[in-house]
Protein backbone atom coordinates (compact mmCIF):
# COMPACT_ATOMS: atom_id res chain seq x y z
CA MET A 1 -0.38 -0.04 -0.04
CA THR A 2 2.61 2.65 0.78
CA LYS A 3 4.31 1.05 -2.60
CA LEU A 4 1.58 1.85 -4.35
CA LEU A 5 0.60 5.80 -2.72
CA ALA A 6 4.58 6.17 -3.18
CA LYS A 7 3.86 5.64 -6.71
CA ILE A 8 1.17 8.36 -6.88
CA ARG A 9 2.34 10.74 -6.15
CA ASP A 10 5.67 10.40 -8.02
CA ILE A 11 2.90 10.74 -10.70
CA TYR A 12 1.01 13.22 -9.89
CA PHE A 13 4.42 15.24 -8.49
CA ASN A 14 5.61 14.85 -12.13
CA LEU A 15 1.86 15.93 -13.84
CA LEU A 16 2.13 19.40 -12.20
CA LEU A 17 5.73 19.73 -13.70
CA TRP A 18 4.83 18.53 -17.39
CA ARG A 19 1.75 21.13 -17.12
CA ILE A 20 4.32 23.85 -16.16
CA LYS A 21 6.24 23.61 -18.39
CA HIS A 22 4.09 22.64 -21.10
CA ILE A 23 0.82 24.59 -20.47
CA SER A 24 0.67 28.39 -19.41
CA ASP A 25 -1.55 29.55 -16.16
CA LYS A 26 -3.96 30.93 -18.32
CA ASN A 27 -4.46 28.38 -20.08
CA PHE A 28 -4.79 25.77 -17.79
CA VAL A 29 -6.78 28.12 -15.88
CA ILE A 30 -9.64 27.90 -19.05
CA ILE A 31 -8.90 23.92 -19.09
CA LEU A 32 -9.57 23.42 -15.33
CA GLY A 33 -12.40 25.78 -15.96
CA GLY A 34 -14.03 23.03 -18.48
CA VAL A 35 -13.08 20.52 -15.71
CA VAL A 36 -15.08 22.51 -13.22
CA GLY A 37 -18.35 22.86 -15.42
CA ILE A 38 -17.86 19.56 -16.10
CA VAL A 39 -18.24 18.15 -12.09
CA ALA A 40 -20.33 20.91 -11.44
CA GLY A 41 -22.72 20.04 -13.99
CA ILE A 42 -23.38 16.03 -13.26
CA ALA A 43 -23.80 17.05 -9.56
CA ALA A 44 -26.36 19.54 -9.70
CA VAL A 45 -28.36 17.01 -12.34
CA ALA A 46 -27.60 14.61 -9.55
CA LEU A 47 -28.74 16.50 -6.98
CA LYS A 48 -31.61 17.64 -8.72
CA SER A 49 -32.48 13.52 -9.82
CA VAL A 50 -32.45 12.60 -6.38
CA VAL A 51 -34.52 15.11 -5.03
CA HIS A 52 -37.05 14.96 -7.64
CA PHE A 53 -37.20 10.71 -6.89
CA ILE A 54 -37.04 10.60 -3.36
CA GLN A 55 -40.61 13.69 -3.81
CA GLY A 56 -41.93 11.11 -6.31
CA PHE A 57 -41.57 8.05 -4.15
CA LEU A 58 -43.27 10.05 -0.38
CA THR A 59 -46.42 12.36 -2.54
CA GLY A 60 -46.28 10.65 -5.24
CA GLY A 61 -49.67 8.53 -4.71
CA PHE A 62 -51.29 11.82 -2.83
CA ALA A 63 -55.03 12.50 -3.44
CA VAL A 64 -55.88 15.92 -5.04
CA ASP A 65 -59.10 16.53 -4.00
CA TYR A 66 -57.72 16.43 0.13
CA ALA A 67 -55.11 16.89 2.30
CA ASN A 68 -53.16 13.92 3.92
CA ILE A 69 -51.47 14.18 6.77
CA LEU A 70 -48.22 12.85 5.83
CA HIS A 71 -47.78 16.96 4.49
CA PHE A 72 -47.19 17.54 8.10
CA ILE A 73 -45.07 14.42 9.27
CA TYR A 74 -41.73 14.69 6.23
CA PRO A 75 -41.18 17.49 6.21
CA LEU A 76 -40.42 16.91 10.42
CA VAL A 77 -38.66 13.69 9.32
CA GLY A 78 -36.80 15.28 6.78
CA ILE A 79 -35.32 17.91 9.32
CA VAL A 80 -34.59 15.34 12.29
CA LEU A 81 -32.46 13.29 9.76
CA THR A 82 -30.42 15.99 8.90
CA VAL A 83 -29.88 17.12 11.92
CA LEU A 84 -28.16 13.79 12.65
CA LEU A 85 -26.34 13.75 10.18
CA ALA A 86 -24.57 17.03 10.06
CA LYS A 87 -23.89 15.90 13.49
CA TYR A 88 -22.35 13.11 14.24
CA LEU A 89 -21.82 11.85 10.21
CA LEU A 90 -20.73 14.93 8.14
CA ARG A 91 -20.00 17.17 11.76
CA GLU A 92 -20.73 20.38 9.31
CA SER A 93 -22.41 23.08 10.52
CA LEU A 94 -24.77 23.89 8.18
CA GLY A 95 -26.23 27.49 7.55
CA HIS A 96 -27.06 29.88 4.46
CA GLY A 97 -24.40 28.08 2.21
CA ILE A 98 -23.48 31.29 0.16
CA THR A 99 -23.00 33.47 3.17
CA SER A 100 -20.45 30.61 3.91
CA ILE A 101 -18.83 30.62 0.00
CA LEU A 102 -18.21 34.49 0.50
CA PHE A 103 -16.64 33.66 3.68
CA ALA A 104 -14.12 31.87 2.56
CA ILE A 105 -13.65 34.46 -0.66
CA SER A 106 -13.36 36.81 2.05
CA LYS A 107 -11.27 35.86 5.01
CA ASN A 108 -9.85 32.34 4.01
CA SER A 109 -7.89 32.88 0.81
CA SER A 110 -10.77 31.18 -0.81
CA ILE A 111 -10.04 27.82 1.09
CA ILE A 112 -13.30 25.28 0.85
CA GLY A 113 -13.41 22.05 2.51
CA ALA A 114 -13.37 18.91 0.56
CA VAL A 115 -16.63 17.21 2.86
CA LYS A 116 -18.43 20.48 1.19
CA MET A 117 -18.17 19.12 -2.34
CA TYR A 118 -20.96 16.66 -1.36
CA SER A 119 -22.15 17.12 2.26
CA ARG A 120 -24.35 19.81 0.99
CA MET A 121 -25.46 17.23 -1.67
CA VAL A 122 -26.46 14.88 0.87
CA THR A 123 -28.54 16.80 3.53
CA SER A 124 -30.72 18.73 0.70
CA ALA A 125 -31.30 16.03 -1.39
CA ILE A 126 -33.24 14.86 2.36
CA THR A 127 -34.28 17.89 3.81
CA VAL A 128 -36.08 19.19 0.18
CA GLY A 129 -36.58 15.50 -0.44
CA PHE A 130 -38.86 15.00 2.23
CA GLY A 131 -40.81 18.64 1.85
CA GLY A 132 -38.32 21.38 3.39
CA SER A 133 -38.97 24.12 1.82
CA VAL A 134 -35.46 25.68 0.66
CA GLY A 135 -34.30 25.22 -2.66
CA LEU A 136 -31.25 23.77 -4.25
CA GLU A 137 -29.66 26.49 -5.91
CA ALA A 138 -27.75 27.04 -2.85
CA PRO A 139 -26.34 24.11 -1.77
CA ILE A 140 -25.35 22.98 -5.58
CA VAL A 141 -23.83 26.43 -5.78
CA VAL A 142 -21.33 25.23 -3.19
CA THR A 143 -21.10 21.99 -4.13
CA GLY A 144 -19.75 23.43 -7.56
CA SER A 145 -17.60 25.93 -5.39
CA ALA A 146 -15.75 23.70 -2.90
CA ILE A 147 -15.15 21.55 -6.48
CA GLY A 148 -13.99 25.02 -7.65
CA SER A 149 -11.65 25.67 -4.44
CA ASN A 150 -10.15 22.13 -4.25
CA ILE A 151 -9.06 21.26 -7.97
CA ALA A 152 -7.75 24.24 -6.98
CA GLN A 153 -5.18 23.36 -4.46
CA THR A 154 -4.68 20.01 -5.55
CA MET A 155 -3.11 22.33 -8.92
CA HIS A 156 -1.35 24.49 -6.45
CA LEU A 157 -2.96 27.82 -7.74
CA ASN A 158 -3.02 31.25 -6.26
CA TYR A 159 -5.92 33.47 -4.35
CA LYS A 160 -6.85 34.52 -7.70
CA GLN A 161 -7.01 31.54 -10.14
CA LYS A 162 -8.47 29.72 -6.57
CA THR A 163 -11.31 32.36 -6.56
CA LEU A 164 -11.91 31.98 -10.64
CA LEU A 165 -12.36 28.02 -10.16
CA ILE A 166 -15.28 28.97 -7.38
CA GLY A 167 -16.96 31.04 -9.80
CA CYS A 168 -16.38 28.52 -12.42
CA GLY A 169 -18.21 26.10 -10.04
CA ALA A 170 -20.69 28.23 -9.10
CA ALA A 171 -21.37 29.08 -12.56
CA GLY A 172 -21.85 25.57 -14.00
CA ALA A 173 -24.38 24.80 -11.41
CA ILE A 174 -26.47 27.39 -11.94
CA SER A 175 -26.29 26.42 -15.56
CA ALA A 176 -27.06 22.96 -15.51
CA ILE A 177 -29.57 23.66 -12.82
CA PHE A 178 -31.54 26.10 -14.67
CA ASN A 179 -30.58 25.86 -18.57
CA SER A 180 -29.21 29.32 -18.89
CA PRO A 181 -26.19 29.53 -19.27
CA ILE A 182 -25.71 33.45 -19.24
CA ALA A 183 -27.54 33.29 -15.95
CA GLY A 184 -24.80 31.05 -14.49
CA VAL A 185 -21.78 33.62 -15.62
CA ILE A 186 -23.58 36.60 -14.39
CA PHE A 187 -24.48 35.20 -10.84
CA ALA A 188 -20.84 34.04 -10.21
CA VAL A 189 -19.81 37.44 -11.19
CA GLU A 190 -22.49 39.37 -9.00
CA VAL A 191 -22.66 37.34 -6.19
CA LEU A 192 -19.70 36.21 -5.98
CA LEU A 193 -17.07 37.74 -7.44
CA ALA A 194 -15.92 41.21 -6.79
CA GLU A 195 -13.85 41.68 -9.23
CA VAL A 196 -13.53 40.34 -12.63
CA THR A 197 -11.55 41.36 -15.66
CA ILE A 198 -12.20 40.11 -19.29
CA ALA A 199 -9.97 37.10 -19.26
CA ALA A 200 -11.31 35.97 -16.41
CA PHE A 201 -14.57 35.65 -17.88
CA ILE A 202 -13.55 33.06 -20.44
CA PRO A 203 -13.66 29.92 -17.57
CA LEU A 204 -16.75 31.23 -17.04
CA LEU A 205 -18.08 30.76 -20.15
CA ILE A 206 -16.81 27.39 -20.51
CA ALA A 207 -17.56 26.54 -17.17
CA SER A 208 -21.06 27.66 -17.38
CA VAL A 209 -21.27 25.74 -21.26
CA PHE A 210 -20.16 22.70 -20.19
CA GLY A 211 -22.63 22.96 -17.41
CA GLN A 212 -25.96 22.55 -19.27
CA LEU A 213 -24.52 20.76 -21.82
CA ILE A 214 -24.35 18.11 -18.80
CA SER A 215 -27.96 18.92 -17.95
CA LEU A 216 -28.97 18.90 -21.78
CA MET A 217 -27.45 15.54 -21.95
CA LEU A 218 -28.68 13.98 -19.13
CA LEU A 219 -31.50 15.35 -18.69
CA GLY A 220 -32.91 16.98 -21.59
CA GLU A 221 -34.51 20.51 -22.20
CA GLU A 222 -36.00 20.99 -18.54
CA ILE A 223 -34.68 20.19 -15.60
CA LEU A 224 -36.62 23.12 -13.57
CA PHE A 225 -38.93 24.44 -15.52
CA SER A 226 -39.48 26.63 -18.69
CA PHE A 227 -42.39 28.66 -20.25
CA GLN A 228 -42.97 29.39 -23.76
CA LEU A 229 -44.86 32.70 -24.07
CA LYS A 230 -48.34 33.29 -24.63
CA ASP A 231 -48.65 36.86 -24.30
CA PRO A 232 -46.83 40.01 -25.82
CA PHE A 233 -45.34 43.26 -23.96
CA ALA A 234 -47.81 45.82 -24.24
CA ALA A 235 -46.71 49.27 -23.61
CA ALA A 236 -49.74 50.24 -21.81
CA ASP A 237 -48.98 47.70 -18.99
CA VAL A 238 -45.83 49.84 -17.59
CA PRO A 239 -47.00 51.23 -14.49
CA PHE A 240 -47.94 48.31 -13.75
CA TYR A 241 -45.29 46.67 -14.25
CA PHE A 242 -43.96 49.98 -12.23
CA LEU A 243 -46.01 49.28 -9.31
CA LEU A 244 -45.63 45.60 -9.47
CA GLY A 245 -42.19 46.73 -8.86
CA ILE A 246 -42.92 48.05 -6.16
CA ALA A 247 -44.50 45.60 -4.23
CA CYS A 248 -41.95 43.37 -5.15
CA GLY A 249 -39.27 44.93 -2.94
CA LEU A 250 -41.99 45.39 -0.08
CA VAL A 251 -42.06 41.60 -0.30
CA SER A 252 -38.23 41.46 -0.51
CA LEU A 253 -38.07 43.43 2.33
CA TYR A 254 -40.79 40.92 4.00
CA PHE A 255 -38.41 37.88 3.25
CA THR A 256 -35.64 39.21 4.69
CA ARG A 257 -37.19 40.54 7.45
CA CYS A 258 -39.06 37.63 8.75
CA MET A 259 -36.42 34.99 7.65
CA TYR A 260 -33.86 37.35 10.56
CA LYS A 261 -36.54 37.39 12.80
CA ILE A 262 -37.74 33.58 12.50
CA GLU A 263 -34.47 32.26 12.51
CA ASP A 264 -33.13 34.23 15.67
CA LEU A 265 -35.67 33.39 17.39
CA ILE A 266 -35.03 29.70 16.41
CA SER A 267 -31.64 29.80 17.65
CA SER A 268 -32.68 30.75 21.01
CA ILE A 269 -33.77 27.04 21.51
CA LYS A 270 -30.86 25.18 22.99
CA GLY A 271 -30.40 21.89 21.88
CA SER A 272 -29.95 20.65 17.91
CA PHE A 273 -32.04 17.60 18.45
CA SER A 274 -34.60 20.31 19.71
CA LYS A 275 -34.36 23.08 17.29
CA GLY A 276 -34.71 20.19 14.99
CA VAL A 277 -37.84 18.75 16.55
CA MET A 278 -39.45 22.59 17.02
CA GLY A 279 -39.04 23.74 13.41
CA GLY A 280 -40.46 20.51 11.57
CA ILE A 281 -43.30 20.59 13.35
CA GLY A 282 -43.66 24.06 12.29
CA LEU A 283 -42.98 23.29 9.36
CA GLY A 284 -44.89 20.88 9.10
CA LEU A 285 -47.95 22.70 10.25
CA ILE A 286 -47.65 25.44 7.28
CA ILE A 287 -46.84 22.88 5.04
CA PHE A 288 -50.33 20.80 5.74
CA LEU A 289 -52.17 24.37 4.91
CA PHE A 290 -50.86 25.64 2.28
CA PRO A 291 -49.51 22.78 0.41
CA PRO A 292 -47.98 24.38 -2.55
CA ILE A 293 -44.94 25.25 -0.10
CA TYR A 294 -43.91 22.23 -0.06
CA GLY A 295 -40.74 21.87 -1.46
CA GLU A 296 -38.76 23.54 -3.38
CA GLY A 297 -42.06 24.60 -5.41
CA TYR A 298 -41.68 24.48 -9.31
CA ASP A 299 -44.24 22.77 -9.26
CA ALA A 300 -46.28 25.83 -7.86
CA ILE A 301 -45.09 28.13 -10.28
CA LYS A 302 -45.91 25.59 -13.17
CA LEU A 303 -49.94 25.78 -11.98
CA LEU A 304 -49.15 29.58 -11.76
CA LEU A 305 -47.90 30.05 -15.04
CA SER A 306 -50.84 27.92 -16.47
CA GLU A 307 -53.20 30.54 -14.45
CA ASP A 308 -54.76 26.84 -12.86
CA GLY A 309 -56.32 27.84 -9.85
CA ILE A 310 -57.59 24.53 -9.37
CA GLY A 311 -54.05 23.12 -9.02
CA ILE A 312 -52.89 25.47 -6.51
CA LEU A 313 -55.16 24.34 -3.80
CA ASN A 314 -54.53 20.45 -4.93
CA ARG A 315 -53.75 18.13 -1.83
CA SER A 316 -55.34 21.17 0.67
CA LEU A 317 -57.97 21.20 2.95
CA PHE A 318 -59.56 24.61 0.73
CA PHE A 319 -59.76 22.17 -2.61
CA ASN A 320 -63.93 22.47 -2.01
CA GLN A 321 -63.52 26.51 -2.24
CA ILE A 322 -61.77 26.12 -5.94
CA HIS A 323 -65.07 27.53 -7.01
CA SER A 324 -64.47 30.75 -4.89
CA GLY A 325 -62.12 33.62 -7.07
CA LEU A 326 -61.47 35.71 -3.49
CA PHE A 327 -60.65 32.87 -1.62
CA LEU A 328 -58.35 31.91 -4.34
CA LEU A 329 -57.24 35.49 -3.96
CA LEU A 330 -56.97 34.90 0.41
CA PHE A 331 -54.64 31.43 -0.18
CA MET A 332 -52.22 33.45 -2.26
CA LEU A 333 -51.94 35.91 0.28
CA GLY A 334 -51.36 33.18 2.92
CA LEU A 335 -48.99 32.03 0.79
CA ILE A 336 -46.75 35.06 0.16
CA ILE A 337 -47.10 35.68 4.13
CA MET A 338 -46.74 32.17 5.60
CA LYS A 339 -43.49 30.89 2.89
CA PRO A 340 -40.93 33.16 4.51
CA VAL A 341 -41.49 31.85 7.87
CA ALA A 342 -41.84 28.04 6.27
CA THR A 343 -38.23 28.64 4.85
CA ALA A 344 -37.06 30.66 8.14
CA LEU A 345 -38.06 27.21 9.84
CA THR A 346 -36.48 24.92 7.44
CA ILE A 347 -33.04 26.46 7.81
CA GLY A 348 -33.01 27.55 11.16
CA SER A 349 -33.92 24.77 12.68
CA GLY A 350 -31.00 22.65 10.70
CA GLY A 351 -32.12 21.83 7.50
CA SER A 352 -30.20 22.71 4.83
CA GLY A 353 -30.83 24.71 1.64
CA GLY A 354 -31.31 27.77 0.57
CA ILE A 355 -33.48 31.13 -0.38
CA PHE A 356 -32.84 31.22 -4.24
CA ALA A 357 -35.99 28.74 -4.99
CA PRO A 358 -37.53 30.49 -2.19
CA SER A 359 -37.59 33.68 -3.35
CA LEU A 360 -38.41 32.46 -7.10
CA PHE A 361 -42.14 30.77 -5.19
CA LEU A 362 -42.41 34.09 -3.61
CA GLY A 363 -42.33 36.59 -6.84
CA GLY A 364 -43.84 34.60 -8.65
CA VAL A 365 -47.04 34.34 -6.28
CA THR A 366 -46.59 37.53 -6.03
CA GLY A 367 -47.01 38.33 -9.60
CA PHE A 368 -50.19 35.99 -10.08
CA PHE A 369 -51.60 37.82 -7.40
CA PHE A 370 -50.92 40.97 -8.36
CA ALA A 371 -52.18 40.22 -12.07
CA THR A 372 -54.69 38.60 -10.87
CA SER A 373 -56.86 40.94 -8.26
CA TYR A 374 -56.61 44.19 -10.87
CA ASN A 375 -57.88 41.37 -13.07
CA TYR A 376 -60.99 40.91 -10.23
CA LEU A 377 -62.19 43.65 -9.50
CA ALA A 378 -62.68 44.66 -13.39
CA LEU A 379 -61.47 47.90 -13.71
CA GLY A 380 -60.26 48.24 -17.03
CA GLN A 381 -58.01 46.41 -19.23
CA MET A 382 -56.99 42.95 -18.72
CA LEU A 383 -52.89 42.26 -17.33
CA SER A 384 -51.94 38.68 -18.63
CA ILE A 385 -51.45 37.06 -15.67
CA SER A 386 -48.16 34.47 -17.00
CA ASN A 387 -46.32 37.63 -17.82
CA PHE A 388 -46.46 38.96 -14.28
CA THR A 389 -45.94 36.11 -12.62
CA LEU A 390 -42.41 35.75 -14.49
CA VAL A 391 -41.80 39.17 -14.07
CA GLY A 392 -42.35 39.39 -10.38
CA MET A 393 -40.20 35.78 -9.83
CA CYS A 394 -37.40 38.29 -11.41
CA GLY A 395 -38.87 41.21 -8.89
CA VAL A 396 -38.66 39.65 -5.76
CA MET A 397 -35.59 37.41 -6.69
CA SER A 398 -34.14 40.84 -7.57
CA GLY A 399 -34.45 42.14 -4.24
CA VAL A 400 -33.80 39.01 -1.76
CA LEU A 401 -30.52 38.14 -3.98
CA HIS A 402 -29.26 42.16 -4.44
CA ALA A 403 -29.18 40.08 -7.93
CA PRO A 404 -30.95 42.28 -10.78
CA LEU A 405 -29.05 40.71 -13.90
CA THR A 406 -29.15 37.55 -12.50
CA ALA A 407 -32.33 37.61 -11.89
CA ILE A 408 -33.34 39.60 -15.46
CA PHE A 409 -31.66 37.22 -17.55
CA LEU A 410 -32.71 34.01 -15.28
CA ILE A 411 -36.17 34.62 -16.86
CA ALA A 412 -35.41 36.05 -20.08
CA GLU A 413 -33.30 32.63 -20.52
CA ILE A 414 -36.82 30.19 -18.65
CA THR A 415 -38.69 32.20 -21.42
CA GLY A 416 -36.80 31.46 -24.35
CA GLY A 417 -36.26 35.49 -25.14
CA TYR A 418 -36.52 38.72 -24.40
CA THR A 419 -40.05 39.50 -24.71
CA LEU A 420 -40.20 40.50 -21.54
CA PHE A 421 -36.62 42.41 -21.25
CA VAL A 422 -37.87 45.62 -20.88
CA PRO A 423 -40.68 44.68 -17.65
CA LEU A 424 -37.77 42.19 -16.41
CA MET A 425 -35.24 45.21 -16.56
CA LEU A 426 -38.09 47.87 -15.03
CA VAL A 427 -39.27 45.43 -12.47
CA SER A 428 -35.76 44.29 -11.23
CA ALA A 429 -34.46 48.06 -10.97
CA ILE A 430 -37.40 49.21 -9.06
CA SER A 431 -37.18 46.33 -6.62
CA PHE A 432 -33.66 46.44 -6.13
CA ILE A 433 -34.01 50.47 -5.20
CA THR A 434 -37.26 49.64 -3.49
CA LYS A 435 -35.89 46.98 -1.14
CA THR A 436 -32.07 48.82 -0.91
CA TYR A 437 -34.25 51.72 0.75
CA PHE A 438 -34.79 50.21 3.93
CA GLU A 439 -32.03 46.89 3.80
CA LYS A 440 -28.52 48.18 1.92
CA HIS A 441 -26.99 44.23 2.82
CA SER A 442 -28.73 41.64 0.56
CA PHE A 443 -29.18 38.48 2.73
CA TYR A 444 -26.02 36.56 1.61
CA THR A 445 -23.80 39.77 3.02
CA LYS A 446 -25.63 41.56 6.25
CA HIS A 447 -24.24 39.35 8.40
CA LEU A 448 -20.81 38.61 7.33
CA ILE A 449 -20.21 43.36 6.75
CA GLU A 450 -21.93 43.64 10.11
CA ARG A 451 -18.98 41.45 12.25
CA GLY A 452 -16.55 43.18 9.22
CA ASP A 453 -15.83 39.01 7.84
CA LEU A 454 -16.46 41.09 4.19
CA ILE A 455 -15.86 44.27 3.03
CA GLN A 456 -17.49 45.06 -0.22
CA TYR A 457 -17.02 48.72 -2.85
CA ASP A 458 -13.36 49.67 -0.30
CA LYS A 459 -10.68 48.19 -1.51
CA ASP A 460 -8.42 49.69 0.67
CA ARG A 461 -10.87 48.15 3.22
CA GLN A 462 -10.76 44.93 2.09
CA VAL A 463 -6.97 44.29 1.56
CA LEU A 464 -6.59 45.11 5.32
CA SER A 465 -9.23 43.08 6.15
CA LEU A 466 -7.42 40.27 5.09
CA ILE A 467 -4.42 40.63 7.22
CA HIS A 468 -4.41 38.66 10.40
CA LEU A 469 -2.69 40.30 13.33
CA LYS A 470 -1.44 37.46 15.51
CA LYS A 471 1.06 36.66 12.03
CA ILE A 472 2.87 39.59 12.61
CA ILE A 473 3.61 40.24 16.27
CA GLU A 474 7.14 40.77 17.23
CA THR A 475 7.85 38.82 19.42
CA ASP A 476 12.07 38.83 19.52
CA LEU A 477 11.46 42.48 21.50
CA ALA A 478 14.29 41.79 24.91
CA LEU A 479 12.46 42.00 28.04
CA ILE A 480 13.40 44.17 31.41
CA LYS A 481 11.42 44.06 34.67
CA PRO A 482 10.44 47.14 36.52
CA GLU A 483 13.05 46.39 39.38
CA ASP A 484 16.62 46.04 37.07
CA SER A 485 18.56 48.85 36.69
CA LEU A 486 19.21 50.74 34.08
CA GLY A 487 22.81 48.96 33.44
CA ASP A 488 20.58 45.60 33.69
CA LEU A 489 19.28 47.83 30.38
CA VAL A 490 22.34 49.01 28.83
CA ASN A 491 23.18 45.33 28.90
CA LEU A 492 20.30 44.25 26.43
CA VAL A 493 21.52 47.25 24.51
CA ARG A 494 24.43 45.69 23.98
CA GLN A 495 22.65 42.30 22.52
CA SER A 496 19.40 43.78 20.98
CA LYS A 497 19.14 45.03 17.83
CA ARG A 498 15.78 47.06 18.18
CA ASN A 499 15.06 50.40 19.89
CA ILE A 500 12.00 49.35 22.11
CA PHE A 501 12.42 47.70 25.43
CA PRO A 502 9.07 46.08 27.15
CA VAL A 503 8.82 46.23 30.55
CA VAL A 504 7.06 43.02 32.00
CA ASN A 505 6.24 41.60 35.17
CA ASP A 506 6.66 38.32 37.06
CA ASN A 507 2.60 38.11 35.99
CA GLN A 508 3.51 39.06 32.32
CA GLU A 509 1.99 42.21 32.25
CA LEU A 510 3.32 45.01 30.99
CA GLU A 511 3.82 47.92 33.01
CA GLY A 512 5.43 50.84 30.32
CA ILE A 513 7.87 50.85 27.96
CA VAL A 514 11.48 52.10 27.18
CA THR A 515 12.86 53.71 24.59
CA LEU A 516 16.76 53.93 23.53
CA ASP A 517 15.35 57.73 23.31
CA ASP A 518 14.67 57.65 26.53
CA ILE A 519 18.30 56.89 28.14
CA ARG A 520 20.77 57.87 25.89
CA GLU A 521 22.09 60.96 27.65
CA ILE A 522 22.18 58.53 30.58
CA MET A 523 23.22 55.59 29.74
CA PHE A 524 27.14 55.62 29.85
CA ASP A 525 26.39 57.54 33.31
CA GLU A 526 28.35 55.16 35.86
CA GLU A 527 26.62 56.18 38.17
CA SER A 528 23.40 56.25 37.13
CA ARG A 529 23.62 52.43 35.84
CA GLN A 530 23.60 51.20 39.53
CA ASN A 531 21.22 53.42 41.16
CA VAL A 532 18.52 54.72 38.56
CA LEU A 533 15.78 51.93 38.26
CA VAL A 534 14.06 50.71 34.93
CA LYS A 535 10.44 51.35 37.04
CA SER A 536 11.61 54.91 37.35
CA ILE A 537 12.39 56.16 33.76
CA MET A 538 9.90 53.36 32.26
CA ARG A 539 6.71 55.26 30.33
CA ASN A 540 3.18 53.91 29.47
CA PRO A 541 3.18 52.99 25.46
CA PRO A 542 0.73 55.45 23.43
CA ASP A 543 -2.12 52.92 23.11
CA LYS A 544 -1.98 49.43 22.72
CA VAL A 545 -3.91 46.55 20.63
CA SER A 546 -5.29 43.16 21.07
CA SER A 547 -4.32 40.19 18.47
CA HIS A 548 -8.20 39.87 18.07
CA GLU A 549 -8.56 43.22 16.36
CA LYS A 550 -9.66 44.31 13.08
CA MET A 551 -6.59 46.03 11.69
CA GLN A 552 -9.15 48.14 10.24
CA SER A 553 -9.54 49.44 14.69
CA VAL A 554 -5.11 48.59 14.88
CA MET A 555 -4.60 51.62 11.72
CA ASN A 556 -6.82 53.69 13.34
CA LYS A 557 -5.25 53.72 16.68
CA PHE A 558 -1.73 53.83 15.27
CA GLU A 559 -2.95 57.29 12.79
CA LYS A 560 -4.79 58.71 16.04
CA SER A 561 -0.75 57.90 18.48
CA GLY A 562 1.29 58.78 15.58
CA ALA A 563 3.05 55.65 16.84
CA TRP A 564 4.82 53.31 14.29
CA ASN A 565 5.19 50.39 16.90
CA LEU A 566 2.04 49.36 19.52
CA PRO A 567 1.99 46.85 22.61
CA VAL A 568 -0.26 43.51 22.23
CA ILE A 569 -1.97 42.78 24.92
CA ASP A 570 -4.46 39.73 25.35
CA GLU A 571 -6.56 39.69 28.56
CA GLY A 572 -4.34 41.33 30.05
CA LYS A 573 -1.21 39.32 29.59
CA TYR A 574 1.70 41.22 27.38
CA VAL A 575 2.14 39.60 23.99
CA GLY A 576 4.65 40.84 21.46
CA PHE A 577 4.51 44.49 19.64
CA VAL A 578 3.08 45.59 16.34
CA SER A 579 5.19 47.41 14.31
CA LYS A 580 3.47 50.28 11.28
CA SER A 581 6.26 49.25 8.49
CA ARG A 582 5.51 45.43 8.63
CA ILE A 583 1.80 46.39 8.32
CA PHE A 584 2.62 47.96 5.31
CA ASN A 585 4.71 44.98 4.32
CA ALA A 586 1.83 42.72 4.35
CA TYR A 587 -0.20 44.79 2.70
CA ARG A 588 1.69 45.19 -0.36
CA LYS A 589 1.95 41.53 -0.21
CA LYS A 590 -2.03 40.64 0.00
CA LEU A 591 -2.53 43.61 -2.76
CA ILE A 592 -0.62 41.82 -5.40
CA SER A 593 -1.94 38.77 -4.35
CA GLN A 594 -5.66 41.07 -4.67
CA THR A 595 -4.94 42.88 -7.99
CA PRO A 596 -6.80 40.54 -11.00
CA GLU A 597 -4.66 39.57 -13.92
């Protein structure tokens, strides 16, 4: 076995050497982008197929004309199984997947653990297959991104190349799961990659194309849903699209705030198993009352697009109310209110999934509700329900994800053309503006930005945030005790190459500092060397920092104090010194590594 491993290692190193000699870094990243796209595409198809099989197996025999108690039981079982699997087998905290990818890019040198190449696929298949009200897009993006990161690590690529392959994995995954290569590329750029050059687009395009080709070869034309437009865009509908944009922005705000509140509430429950049970019970109750919330919700979106009100009420307690148009509108309003709650319960209680599909579902219901309400009131011209449903999907997705371009091109590709491009652009922009007026950051970035783990649109602060203070602390300064004499200090001066001497007591506490300038006039006086004690000439440092402190705070202290060196104190104990010059050197190296090719 040892010989076999050694042989494999030799082949691996020879392959790396051959690559360095014969393939440029630029071309090699393009090749790897294609490989990542293929693997991400296969993962997306596999995950989707497994989930559809589980859902069909569990609910295929349900009668449509009455509610089934299993709608209450299945989500609870799925969440509990996911919690147990994540805790005892995978040993991983789930949460919001794309947020973890952004953290890895921002604070972990684009290194994503190998376990994420399969963990989110397994857990999300169970959660969504058993009815968890979340989407598969975020788990498959995490899977694709982890594949890209780990291939890059295996090939010893640098930070910029690792980050680009993470984007390739995300682009390939989105392209495969929606059959939308343009949206895949734009999602990677808009959500994950802060800075992309023209050259970097090539690997993203290759990955996205290969992701879609894998999907087409294995599943055919339709992996989620596609829709052929029945009604043309009417310019007279523009005022209504404007109002829909505002409505989508407000629904996006409600979705985001509701998610935060519910997740915070669930987090107060002690014990992961207790959270899973409580969340599963709440989720099961909601799905029992509103069956369209079961799973991703794409089947419900198809019914909305086909204007099938009867189908929307299938398997519910309210099937016998289908003759009432007003009741259908009330049911739609209930879906808008309860969908964010169901999604928050699923993720907050330990389930695995994302908010991509829920935002599309919520947007579709919002657009359907808007157009149907207007048509029900018969105030004038009739609005196209299918068009407003599609554009509503774009609007809420734009507001929730803060990804207006991704939303526009996704819906455009789903419909097979650009007939609705004008209303898509209008509603996406209005929704985004409305949402950002109340909530500046996206759902993915809000908590990271508040913790200082993600800094957007400020290159200086971005680079500073990547510098870890612990790695640049200087511990080679000669220490002196407060009771020592000036003579003892002069002996240290002879041995040391530094001009700062920390005064530290027996408890490793910093009592002051002495610099060479402080003793220059008396250090050669024999009487002073014998009689003067260090504690009588030491002084307080201009400020102090902690090794856990953010670099922006450290630099602010340097600026206010005017010092070039500051002591590092953790829990009252002296650790070392940090110098401004060493920070500048680390900043320069990080800036070079962060600058796009």
